[in-house]
Amino acid sequence: MARTALILHGGAGARRERNYDAEVVHMREVVEAMKARLDAGASAVDVAVEAVIMLEDSGLYVAGRGASPNLAGAYELDASLMDGASGKAGAVAALQGFRNPVVAARAVMDRTPHVMLAGEGAALFAHDQGLEPIGDEEAWFTRAGQGEDNHPPGGLSHGTVGCCVLDSEGRLAAATSTAGVFGKMPGRVGDTPIPAAGTWADDCAAVSCTGQGEYFIRVAAAARTAFGVAAGQSLADSAQATIDRIGGLGGDGGLIALDRAGNIAQPYNSQGMKRAWLTTDGEIGVQVFDQPA
């Protein structure tokens, strides 16, 4: 049996003038809860989804409950996941009216022949599957991320959560979720719900991205990182090369990645990136900027 590991993120775009004590505490709680699940034999894909649900529901990050409305006043949410063992993936884009987009993405993967559903079709599917709706949107959403790089008057908006997992059977999985911020055009879709761009998992590596999604789409960031590992690069080198490529195009953000040996990578070119991890030795770490929290 393989030793377990995971890494999660609460988004790039963190700024040094903001206090992230609440996020640090919460990310550690998520890792501790997922460690217990992995110790009990839970699968990588289950743990990835469960971790992202906790991140979505917290309202602390620009995903799930942390959403802000787009220019038309609507809350559009995106998510995807990929099971490295089977190669299956599921995603939703521009989903409105439902609490956990990552749960909808899991349902697409498990209960349809498709990979992605979008907009009204995604909402109809979520309703048919009995997924939990949002009642009073203005009371539910917290509009997290104000004052970060992902919030106006910045440029392209970004704000995401994600998790990469290695389970006791040696299986890898990744899940990613994001929500709108002020200033997003209606119908805008970034990298998060696109397998290969924002999320990837195979038998070599699992990757979840966060940043200016347009750039991550253009370089197929998540798959590029995993394919580098498959070609013989170290996880750290492949992940850094991807972020360097994005930076060279003028984009910012970061990614988290995990390989089948339990190695972790977490490069970013923004001021900070909220992330936490569990090593194969059972050690838990949390970091927002350059120094551990």
C-alpha atoms as a PDB file:
ATOM      1  CA  MET A   1       0.000   0.000   0.000  1.00  0.00           C
ATOM      2  CA  ALA A   2       1.230   3.486  -0.889  1.00  0.00           C
ATOM      3  CA  ARG A   3       1.679   6.141   1.748  1.00  0.00           C
ATOM      4  CA  THR A   4      -0.976   8.828   1.420  1.00  0.00           C
ATOM      5  CA  ALA A   5      -0.472  12.519   0.693  1.00  0.00           C
ATOM      6  CA  LEU A   6      -2.466  15.536  -0.377  1.00  0.00           C
ATOM      7  CA  ILE A   7      -2.139  19.217  -1.118  1.00  0.00           C
ATOM      8  CA  LEU A   8      -4.900  21.809  -1.357  1.00  0.00           C
ATOM      9  CA  HIS A   9      -5.103  25.483  -2.237  1.00  0.00           C
ATOM     10  CA  GLY A  10      -7.406  28.364  -1.442  1.00  0.00           C
ATOM     11  CA  GLY A  11      -6.328  30.428  -4.416  1.00  0.00           C
ATOM     12  CA  ALA A  12      -3.467  32.563  -5.638  1.00  0.00           C
ATOM     13  CA  GLY A  13      -3.795  36.336  -5.435  1.00  0.00           C
ATOM     14  CA  ALA A  14      -3.160  36.680  -1.700  1.00  0.00           C
ATOM     15  CA  ARG A  15      -1.796  40.102  -0.747  1.00  0.00           C
ATOM     16  CA  ARG A  16       0.566  40.785   2.148  1.00  0.00           C
ATOM     17  CA  GLU A  17      -1.542  43.591   3.593  1.00  0.00           C
ATOM     18  CA  ARG A  18      -4.401  41.181   4.299  1.00  0.00           C
ATOM     19  CA  ASN A  19      -4.691  38.922   7.323  1.00  0.00           C
ATOM     20  CA  TYR A  20      -5.220  35.226   6.524  1.00  0.00           C
ATOM     21  CA  ASP A  21      -5.432  33.762  10.025  1.00  0.00           C
ATOM     22  CA  ALA A  22      -8.930  32.393   9.429  1.00  0.00           C
ATOM     23  CA  GLU A  23      -7.902  30.746   6.166  1.00  0.00           C
ATOM     24  CA  VAL A  24      -4.795  29.238   7.756  1.00  0.00           C
ATOM     25  CA  VAL A  25      -6.840  27.683  10.559  1.00  0.00           C
ATOM     26  CA  HIS A  26      -9.467  26.425   8.147  1.00  0.00           C
ATOM     27  CA  MET A  27      -7.029  24.898   5.650  1.00  0.00           C
ATOM     28  CA  ARG A  28      -5.339  22.997   8.476  1.00  0.00           C
ATOM     29  CA  GLU A  29      -8.738  21.709   9.612  1.00  0.00           C
ATOM     30  CA  VAL A  30      -9.497  20.507   6.088  1.00  0.00           C
ATOM     31  CA  VAL A  31      -6.182  18.660   5.822  1.00  0.00           C
ATOM     32  CA  GLU A  32      -6.670  17.067   9.241  1.00  0.00           C
ATOM     33  CA  ALA A  33     -10.168  15.910   8.290  1.00  0.00           C
ATOM     34  CA  MET A  34      -8.957  14.490   4.977  1.00  0.00           C
ATOM     35  CA  LYS A  35      -6.019  12.751   6.663  1.00  0.00           C
ATOM     36  CA  ALA A  36      -8.532  10.874   8.797  1.00  0.00           C
ATOM     37  CA  ARG A  37     -10.450   9.908   5.660  1.00  0.00           C
ATOM     38  CA  LEU A  38      -7.294   8.679   3.926  1.00  0.00           C
ATOM     39  CA  ASP A  39      -6.248   6.749   7.030  1.00  0.00           C
ATOM     40  CA  ALA A  40      -9.652   5.040   6.882  1.00  0.00           C
ATOM     41  CA  GLY A  41      -9.007   3.953   3.291  1.00  0.00           C
ATOM     42  CA  ALA A  42     -11.055   6.526   1.375  1.00  0.00           C
ATOM     43  CA  SER A  43     -10.320   6.854  -2.331  1.00  0.00           C
ATOM     44  CA  ALA A  44      -8.383   9.754  -3.811  1.00  0.00           C
ATOM     45  CA  VAL A  45     -11.353  11.011  -5.810  1.00  0.00           C
ATOM     46  CA  ASP A  46     -13.666  10.935  -2.777  1.00  0.00           C
ATOM     47  CA  VAL A  47     -11.166  12.845  -0.653  1.00  0.00           C
ATOM     48  CA  ALA A  48     -10.501  15.431  -3.369  1.00  0.00           C
ATOM     49  CA  VAL A  49     -14.209  16.147  -3.671  1.00  0.00           C
ATOM     50  CA  GLU A  50     -14.806  16.204   0.091  1.00  0.00           C
ATOM     51  CA  ALA A  51     -11.929  18.629   0.632  1.00  0.00           C
ATOM     52  CA  VAL A  52     -13.240  20.981  -2.036  1.00  0.00           C
ATOM     53  CA  ILE A  53     -16.749  20.835  -0.523  1.00  0.00           C
ATOM     54  CA  MET A  54     -15.289  22.050   2.775  1.00  0.00           C
ATOM     55  CA  LEU A  55     -13.448  24.855   0.978  1.00  0.00           C
ATOM     56  CA  GLU A  56     -16.569  25.843  -1.009  1.00  0.00           C
ATOM     57  CA  ASP A  57     -18.805  25.892   2.061  1.00  0.00           C
ATOM     58  CA  SER A  58     -16.461  27.970   4.223  1.00  0.00           C
ATOM     59  CA  GLY A  59     -17.090  31.240   2.387  1.00  0.00           C
ATOM     60  CA  LEU A  60     -13.433  32.134   2.927  1.00  0.00           C
ATOM     61  CA  TYR A  61     -12.257  31.656  -0.645  1.00  0.00           C
ATOM     62  CA  VAL A  62     -13.403  32.767  -4.091  1.00  0.00           C
ATOM     63  CA  ALA A  63     -15.284  29.518  -4.704  1.00  0.00           C
ATOM     64  CA  GLY A  64     -18.656  28.143  -3.678  1.00  0.00           C
ATOM     65  CA  ARG A  65     -20.095  30.346  -0.945  1.00  0.00           C
ATOM     66  CA  GLY A  66     -17.302  32.893  -1.460  1.00  0.00           C
ATOM     67  CA  ALA A  67     -18.687  33.956  -4.851  1.00  0.00           C
ATOM     68  CA  SER A  68     -19.347  37.493  -5.981  1.00  0.00           C
ATOM     69  CA  PRO A  69     -21.803  38.387  -8.754  1.00  0.00           C
ATOM     70  CA  ASN A  70     -20.834  39.005 -12.362  1.00  0.00           C
ATOM     71  CA  LEU A  71     -21.614  42.236 -14.212  1.00  0.00           C
ATOM     72  CA  ALA A  72     -25.232  41.139 -14.643  1.00  0.00           C
ATOM     73  CA  GLY A  73     -25.629  40.396 -10.935  1.00  0.00           C
ATOM     74  CA  ALA A  74     -25.649  36.604 -11.349  1.00  0.00           C
ATOM     75  CA  TYR A  75     -23.526  34.108  -9.445  1.00  0.00           C
ATOM     76  CA  GLU A  76     -21.912  31.683 -11.934  1.00  0.00           C
ATOM     77  CA  LEU A  77     -19.805  28.848 -10.498  1.00  0.00           C
ATOM     78  CA  ASP A  78     -17.425  26.366 -12.145  1.00  0.00           C
ATOM     79  CA  ALA A  79     -15.813  23.107 -11.034  1.00  0.00           C
ATOM     80  CA  SER A  80     -14.108  20.000 -12.348  1.00  0.00           C
ATOM     81  CA  LEU A  81     -12.513  16.822 -11.109  1.00  0.00           C
ATOM     82  CA  MET A  82     -10.488  14.013 -12.594  1.00  0.00           C
ATOM     83  CA  ASP A  83      -9.881  10.470 -11.402  1.00  0.00           C
ATOM     84  CA  GLY A  84      -6.358   9.466 -12.342  1.00  0.00           C
ATOM     85  CA  ALA A  85      -7.032   5.759 -11.936  1.00  0.00           C
ATOM     86  CA  SER A  86      -9.831   5.626 -14.515  1.00  0.00           C
ATOM     87  CA  GLY A  87      -9.074   8.726 -16.578  1.00  0.00           C
ATOM     88  CA  LYS A  88     -12.659   9.870 -16.062  1.00  0.00           C
ATOM     89  CA  ALA A  89     -13.496  13.535 -15.590  1.00  0.00           C
ATOM     90  CA  GLY A  90     -16.542  15.653 -14.831  1.00  0.00           C
ATOM     91  CA  ALA A  91     -17.172  19.389 -14.918  1.00  0.00           C
ATOM     92  CA  VAL A  92     -19.766  22.137 -14.745  1.00  0.00           C
ATOM     93  CA  ALA A  93     -19.410  25.679 -16.047  1.00  0.00           C
ATOM     94  CA  ALA A  94     -21.449  28.809 -15.320  1.00  0.00           C
ATOM     95  CA  LEU A  95     -23.671  26.882 -12.908  1.00  0.00           C
ATOM     96  CA  GLN A  96     -26.243  28.987 -11.083  1.00  0.00           C
ATOM     97  CA  GLY A  97     -28.409  28.224  -8.085  1.00  0.00           C
ATOM     98  CA  PHE A  98     -26.614  25.281  -6.435  1.00  0.00           C
ATOM     99  CA  ARG A  99     -24.457  25.097  -3.347  1.00  0.00           C
ATOM    100  CA  ASN A 100     -21.556  22.857  -4.354  1.00  0.00           C
ATOM    101  CA  PRO A 101     -20.427  22.913  -7.986  1.00  0.00           C
ATOM    102  CA  VAL A 102     -17.869  20.182  -7.293  1.00  0.00           C
ATOM    103  CA  VAL A 103     -20.724  17.831  -6.328  1.00  0.00           C
ATOM    104  CA  ALA A 104     -22.419  18.623  -9.619  1.00  0.00           C
ATOM    105  CA  ALA A 105     -19.152  17.921 -11.446  1.00  0.00           C
ATOM    106  CA  ARG A 106     -18.890  14.557  -9.665  1.00  0.00           C
ATOM    107  CA  ALA A 107     -22.431  13.733 -10.758  1.00  0.00           C
ATOM    108  CA  VAL A 108     -21.581  14.576 -14.372  1.00  0.00           C
ATOM    109  CA  MET A 109     -18.613  12.208 -14.172  1.00  0.00           C
ATOM    110  CA  ASP A 110     -20.477   9.369 -12.480  1.00  0.00           C
ATOM    111  CA  ARG A 111     -23.979   9.611 -13.967  1.00  0.00           C
ATOM    112  CA  THR A 112     -23.631  10.859 -17.545  1.00  0.00           C
ATOM    113  CA  PRO A 113     -21.597   9.925 -20.640  1.00  0.00           C
ATOM    114  CA  HIS A 114     -20.358  13.531 -20.790  1.00  0.00           C
ATOM    115  CA  VAL A 115     -17.447  15.454 -19.313  1.00  0.00           C
ATOM    116  CA  MET A 116     -18.939  18.940 -18.998  1.00  0.00           C
ATOM    117  CA  LEU A 117     -22.362  20.531 -18.668  1.00  0.00           C
ATOM    118  CA  ALA A 118     -22.771  24.302 -18.765  1.00  0.00           C
ATOM    119  CA  GLY A 119     -25.224  27.047 -17.922  1.00  0.00           C
ATOM    120  CA  GLU A 120     -28.909  26.182 -17.905  1.00  0.00           C
ATOM    121  CA  GLY A 121     -28.207  22.567 -18.839  1.00  0.00           C
ATOM    122  CA  ALA A 122     -25.920  22.170 -15.829  1.00  0.00           C
ATOM    123  CA  ALA A 123     -28.580  23.677 -13.557  1.00  0.00           C
ATOM    124  CA  LEU A 124     -31.315  21.423 -14.920  1.00  0.00           C
ATOM    125  CA  PHE A 125     -29.088  18.400 -14.397  1.00  0.00           C
ATOM    126  CA  ALA A 126     -28.226  19.464 -10.839  1.00  0.00           C
ATOM    127  CA  HIS A 127     -31.941  19.842 -10.093  1.00  0.00           C
ATOM    128  CA  ASP A 128     -32.737  16.440 -11.579  1.00  0.00           C
ATOM    129  CA  GLN A 129     -30.009  14.878  -9.443  1.00  0.00           C
ATOM    130  CA  GLY A 130     -31.484  16.376  -6.280  1.00  0.00           C
ATOM    131  CA  LEU A 131     -28.422  18.483  -5.501  1.00  0.00           C
ATOM    132  CA  GLU A 132     -28.766  21.121  -2.806  1.00  0.00           C
ATOM    133  CA  PRO A 133     -30.052  24.451  -4.147  1.00  0.00           C
ATOM    134  CA  ILE A 134     -29.271  27.894  -2.775  1.00  0.00           C
ATOM    135  CA  GLY A 135     -32.255  29.715  -1.330  1.00  0.00           C
ATOM    136  CA  ASP A 136     -31.463  33.363  -0.637  1.00  0.00           C
ATOM    137  CA  GLU A 137     -28.354  34.076  -2.714  1.00  0.00           C
ATOM    138  CA  GLU A 138     -27.627  37.441  -1.126  1.00  0.00           C
ATOM    139  CA  ALA A 139     -27.671  35.850   2.319  1.00  0.00           C
ATOM    140  CA  TRP A 140     -25.614  32.835   1.245  1.00  0.00           C
ATOM    141  CA  PHE A 141     -22.732  34.302  -0.731  1.00  0.00           C
ATOM    142  CA  THR A 142     -19.937  36.071   1.174  1.00  0.00           C
ATOM    143  CA  ARG A 143     -18.092  37.762  -1.723  1.00  0.00           C
ATOM    144  CA  ALA A 144     -14.698  36.609  -0.475  1.00  0.00           C
ATOM    145  CA  GLY A 145     -11.457  37.871  -1.962  1.00  0.00           C
ATOM    146  CA  GLN A 146     -12.079  41.590  -1.628  1.00  0.00           C
ATOM    147  CA  GLY A 147      -8.724  43.351  -1.577  1.00  0.00           C
ATOM    148  CA  GLU A 148      -6.901  40.482  -3.282  1.00  0.00           C
ATOM    149  CA  ASP A 149      -5.406  40.395  -6.762  1.00  0.00           C
ATOM    150  CA  ASN A 150      -8.576  38.628  -7.909  1.00  0.00           C
ATOM    151  CA  HIS A 151     -10.834  41.551  -7.012  1.00  0.00           C
ATOM    152  CA  PRO A 152     -11.295  44.835  -8.911  1.00  0.00           C
ATOM    153  CA  PRO A 153      -9.658  47.179  -9.655  1.00  0.00           C
ATOM    154  CA  GLY A 154      -7.274  44.419 -10.716  1.00  0.00           C
ATOM    155  CA  GLY A 155      -7.084  43.010 -14.219  1.00  0.00           C
ATOM    156  CA  LEU A 156      -8.348  39.551 -15.150  1.00  0.00           C
ATOM    157  CA  SER A 157     -10.098  38.134 -12.120  1.00  0.00           C
ATOM    158  CA  HIS A 158      -9.076  34.885 -10.480  1.00  0.00           C
ATOM    159  CA  GLY A 159      -9.884  32.981  -7.342  1.00  0.00           C
ATOM    160  CA  THR A 160     -10.068  29.232  -6.943  1.00  0.00           C
ATOM    161  CA  VAL A 161      -9.840  26.280  -4.552  1.00  0.00           C
ATOM    162  CA  GLY A 162      -8.527  22.831  -5.328  1.00  0.00           C
ATOM    163  CA  CYS A 163      -7.098  19.601  -3.965  1.00  0.00           C
ATOM    164  CA  CYS A 164      -4.760  16.868  -5.227  1.00  0.00           C
ATOM    165  CA  VAL A 165      -4.733  13.498  -3.467  1.00  0.00           C
ATOM    166  CA  LEU A 166      -2.696  10.278  -3.382  1.00  0.00           C
ATOM    167  CA  ASP A 167      -4.567   7.474  -1.626  1.00  0.00           C
ATOM    168  CA  SER A 168      -3.434   4.259   0.040  1.00  0.00           C
ATOM    169  CA  GLU A 169      -3.903   2.292  -3.195  1.00  0.00           C
ATOM    170  CA  GLY A 170      -1.571   4.621  -5.074  1.00  0.00           C
ATOM    171  CA  ARG A 171      -4.389   6.348  -6.968  1.00  0.00           C
ATOM    172  CA  LEU A 172      -4.267  10.061  -7.802  1.00  0.00           C
ATOM    173  CA  ALA A 173      -7.130  12.529  -8.199  1.00  0.00           C
ATOM    174  CA  ALA A 174      -7.656  16.270  -8.435  1.00  0.00           C
ATOM    175  CA  ALA A 175     -10.624  18.610  -8.032  1.00  0.00           C
ATOM    176  CA  THR A 176     -10.920  22.369  -8.570  1.00  0.00           C
ATOM    177  CA  SER A 177     -13.716  24.891  -7.984  1.00  0.00           C
ATOM    178  CA  THR A 178     -14.113  28.601  -8.599  1.00  0.00           C
ATOM    179  CA  ALA A 179     -16.724  31.343  -8.453  1.00  0.00           C
ATOM    180  CA  GLY A 180     -17.302  34.765  -9.939  1.00  0.00           C
ATOM    181  CA  VAL A 181     -15.812  37.996  -8.747  1.00  0.00           C
ATOM    182  CA  PHE A 182     -16.978  41.542  -9.424  1.00  0.00           C
ATOM    183  CA  GLY A 183     -16.351  42.611 -12.969  1.00  0.00           C
ATOM    184  CA  LYS A 184     -16.636  39.213 -14.665  1.00  0.00           C
ATOM    185  CA  MET A 185     -18.538  39.231 -17.951  1.00  0.00           C
ATOM    186  CA  PRO A 186     -21.669  37.053 -17.965  1.00  0.00           C
ATOM    187  CA  GLY A 187     -20.827  33.627 -19.330  1.00  0.00           C
ATOM    188  CA  ARG A 188     -17.087  34.005 -18.813  1.00  0.00           C
ATOM    189  CA  VAL A 189     -15.466  30.612 -18.232  1.00  0.00           C
ATOM    190  CA  GLY A 190     -11.861  30.244 -17.128  1.00  0.00           C
ATOM    191  CA  ASP A 191      -9.599  27.233 -16.784  1.00  0.00           C
ATOM    192  CA  THR A 192     -11.179  25.681 -13.676  1.00  0.00           C
ATOM    193  CA  PRO A 193     -13.900  23.553 -15.343  1.00  0.00           C
ATOM    194  CA  ILE A 194     -11.658  22.526 -18.245  1.00  0.00           C
ATOM    195  CA  PRO A 195      -9.737  19.265 -17.771  1.00  0.00           C
ATOM    196  CA  ALA A 196      -6.149  19.756 -18.978  1.00  0.00           C
ATOM    197  CA  ALA A 197      -6.289  23.511 -18.330  1.00  0.00           C
ATOM    198  CA  GLY A 198      -7.318  23.825 -14.677  1.00  0.00           C
ATOM    199  CA  THR A 199      -7.459  20.233 -13.442  1.00  0.00           C
ATOM    200  CA  TRP A 200      -5.670  17.019 -14.342  1.00  0.00           C
ATOM    201  CA  ALA A 201      -4.965  13.593 -12.867  1.00  0.00           C
ATOM    202  CA  ASP A 202      -3.442  10.479 -14.406  1.00  0.00           C
ATOM    203  CA  ASP A 203      -1.159   7.717 -13.170  1.00  0.00           C
ATOM    204  CA  CYS A 204       1.823  10.096 -12.939  1.00  0.00           C
ATOM    205  CA  ALA A 205       0.544  13.307 -11.366  1.00  0.00           C
ATOM    206  CA  ALA A 206      -2.464  15.272 -10.144  1.00  0.00           C
ATOM    207  CA  VAL A 207      -2.669  19.038 -10.690  1.00  0.00           C
ATOM    208  CA  SER A 208      -5.023  21.875  -9.682  1.00  0.00           C
ATOM    209  CA  CYS A 209      -4.466  25.414 -10.952  1.00  0.00           C
ATOM    210  CA  THR A 210      -5.356  28.879  -9.684  1.00  0.00           C
ATOM    211  CA  GLY A 211      -4.816  32.193 -11.395  1.00  0.00           C
ATOM    212  CA  GLN A 212      -5.778  34.152 -14.480  1.00  0.00           C
ATOM    213  CA  GLY A 213      -7.578  31.319 -16.220  1.00  0.00           C
ATOM    214  CA  GLU A 214      -7.242  32.654 -19.737  1.00  0.00           C
ATOM    215  CA  TYR A 215      -3.487  32.060 -19.573  1.00  0.00           C
ATOM    216  CA  PHE A 216      -3.839  28.618 -18.009  1.00  0.00           C
ATOM    217  CA  ILE A 217      -6.173  27.619 -20.843  1.00  0.00           C
ATOM    218  CA  ARG A 218      -3.713  28.845 -23.455  1.00  0.00           C
ATOM    219  CA  VAL A 219      -0.915  26.618 -22.165  1.00  0.00           C
ATOM    220  CA  ALA A 220      -3.047  23.638 -21.023  1.00  0.00           C
ATOM    221  CA  ALA A 221      -1.365  24.182 -17.675  1.00  0.00           C
ATOM    222  CA  ALA A 222      -2.532  21.193 -15.666  1.00  0.00           C
ATOM    223  CA  ALA A 223      -1.951  18.577 -18.346  1.00  0.00           C
ATOM    224  CA  ARG A 224       1.318  20.218 -19.392  1.00  0.00           C
ATOM    225  CA  THR A 225       2.613  19.741 -15.848  1.00  0.00           C
ATOM    226  CA  ALA A 226       1.594  16.083 -15.651  1.00  0.00           C
ATOM    227  CA  PHE A 227       2.917  15.317 -19.137  1.00  0.00           C
ATOM    228  CA  GLY A 228       6.285  16.748 -18.117  1.00  0.00           C
ATOM    229  CA  VAL A 229       6.397  14.287 -15.242  1.00  0.00           C
ATOM    230  CA  ALA A 230       5.446  11.436 -17.571  1.00  0.00           C
ATOM    231  CA  ALA A 231       8.305  12.471 -19.859  1.00  0.00           C
ATOM    232  CA  GLY A 232      10.821  12.210 -17.037  1.00  0.00           C
ATOM    233  CA  GLN A 233      10.929  15.679 -15.486  1.00  0.00           C
ATOM    234  CA  SER A 234      10.725  16.024 -11.735  1.00  0.00           C
ATOM    235  CA  LEU A 235       7.375  17.265 -10.463  1.00  0.00           C
ATOM    236  CA  ALA A 236       8.986  20.453  -9.162  1.00  0.00           C
ATOM    237  CA  ASP A 237      10.709  21.234 -12.459  1.00  0.00           C
ATOM    238  CA  SER A 238       7.650  20.532 -14.579  1.00  0.00           C
ATOM    239  CA  ALA A 239       5.351  22.593 -12.349  1.00  0.00           C
ATOM    240  CA  GLN A 240       7.756  25.525 -12.261  1.00  0.00           C
ATOM    241  CA  ALA A 241       8.204  25.411 -16.045  1.00  0.00           C
ATOM    242  CA  THR A 242       4.431  25.717 -16.438  1.00  0.00           C
ATOM    243  CA  ILE A 243       4.223  28.767 -14.177  1.00  0.00           C
ATOM    244  CA  ASP A 244       7.242  30.295 -15.917  1.00  0.00           C
ATOM    245  CA  ARG A 245       5.488  29.836 -19.257  1.00  0.00           C
ATOM    246  CA  ILE A 246       2.359  31.543 -17.935  1.00  0.00           C
ATOM    247  CA  GLY A 247       4.424  34.374 -16.494  1.00  0.00           C
ATOM    248  CA  GLY A 248       6.191  34.779 -19.819  1.00  0.00           C
ATOM    249  CA  LEU A 249       2.824  35.378 -21.463  1.00  0.00           C
ATOM    250  CA  GLY A 250       1.943  38.017 -18.875  1.00  0.00           C
ATOM    251  CA  GLY A 251      -0.284  35.911 -16.617  1.00  0.00           C
ATOM    252  CA  ASP A 252      -0.124  35.271 -12.896  1.00  0.00           C
ATOM    253  CA  GLY A 253      -1.255  32.563 -10.532  1.00  0.00           C
ATOM    254  CA  GLY A 254       0.003  29.232  -9.325  1.00  0.00           C
ATOM    255  CA  LEU A 255      -0.672  25.530  -9.146  1.00  0.00           C
ATOM    256  CA  ILE A 256      -0.474  22.635  -6.745  1.00  0.00           C
ATOM    257  CA  ALA A 257       0.684  19.212  -7.880  1.00  0.00           C
ATOM    258  CA  LEU A 258       1.298  15.758  -6.442  1.00  0.00           C
ATOM    259  CA  ASP A 259       2.994  12.756  -8.043  1.00  0.00           C
ATOM    260  CA  ARG A 260       2.585   9.030  -7.429  1.00  0.00           C
ATOM    261  CA  ALA A 261       5.607   9.013  -5.099  1.00  0.00           C
ATOM    262  CA  GLY A 262       3.932  11.633  -2.910  1.00  0.00           C
ATOM    263  CA  ASN A 263       6.174  14.515  -3.982  1.00  0.00           C
ATOM    264  CA  ILE A 264       4.497  17.922  -3.759  1.00  0.00           C
ATOM    265  CA  ALA A 265       4.964  21.058  -5.868  1.00  0.00           C
ATOM    266  CA  GLN A 266       3.380  24.466  -5.268  1.00  0.00           C
ATOM    267  CA  PRO A 267       4.887  27.180  -7.516  1.00  0.00           C
ATOM    268  CA  TYR A 268       3.258  30.573  -8.006  1.00  0.00           C
ATOM    269  CA  ASN A 269       4.204  33.991  -9.357  1.00  0.00           C
ATOM    270  CA  SER A 270       1.628  36.087  -7.487  1.00  0.00           C
ATOM    271  CA  GLN A 271       2.340  37.682  -4.103  1.00  0.00           C
ATOM    272  CA  GLY A 272       1.031  34.642  -2.313  1.00  0.00           C
ATOM    273  CA  MET A 273      -0.969  31.448  -2.644  1.00  0.00           C
ATOM    274  CA  LYS A 274      -3.037  29.962   0.150  1.00  0.00           C
ATOM    275  CA  ARG A 275      -2.190  26.253   0.462  1.00  0.00           C
ATOM    276  CA  ALA A 276      -1.843  23.364   2.888  1.00  0.00           C
ATOM    277  CA  TRP A 277      -0.536  19.838   2.575  1.00  0.00           C
ATOM    278  CA  LEU A 278      -0.070  16.408   4.085  1.00  0.00           C
ATOM    279  CA  THR A 279       3.230  14.643   3.368  1.00  0.00           C
ATOM    280  CA  THR A 280       3.732  10.905   3.076  1.00  0.00           C
ATOM    281  CA  ASP A 281       5.394  11.100   6.507  1.00  0.00           C
ATOM    282  CA  GLY A 282       2.149  12.382   8.004  1.00  0.00           C
ATOM    283  CA  GLU A 283       3.334  15.974   8.465  1.00  0.00           C
ATOM    284  CA  ILE A 284       0.878  18.826   7.896  1.00  0.00           C
ATOM    285  CA  GLY A 285       1.956  22.241   6.632  1.00  0.00           C
ATOM    286  CA  VAL A 286       0.119  25.487   5.863  1.00  0.00           C
ATOM    287  CA  GLN A 287       1.488  28.467   3.952  1.00  0.00           C
ATOM    288  CA  VAL A 288       0.236  31.675   2.346  1.00  0.00           C
ATOM    289  CA  PHE A 289       3.420  33.521   1.467  1.00  0.00           C
ATOM    290  CA  ASP A 290       7.051  32.375   1.628  1.00  0.00           C
ATOM    291  CA  GLN A 291       7.114  31.356   5.257  1.00  0.00           C
ATOM    292  CA  PRO A 292       5.009  28.564   6.852  1.00  0.00           C
ATOM    293  CA  ALA A 293       2.068  29.688   8.965  1.00  0.00           C
END
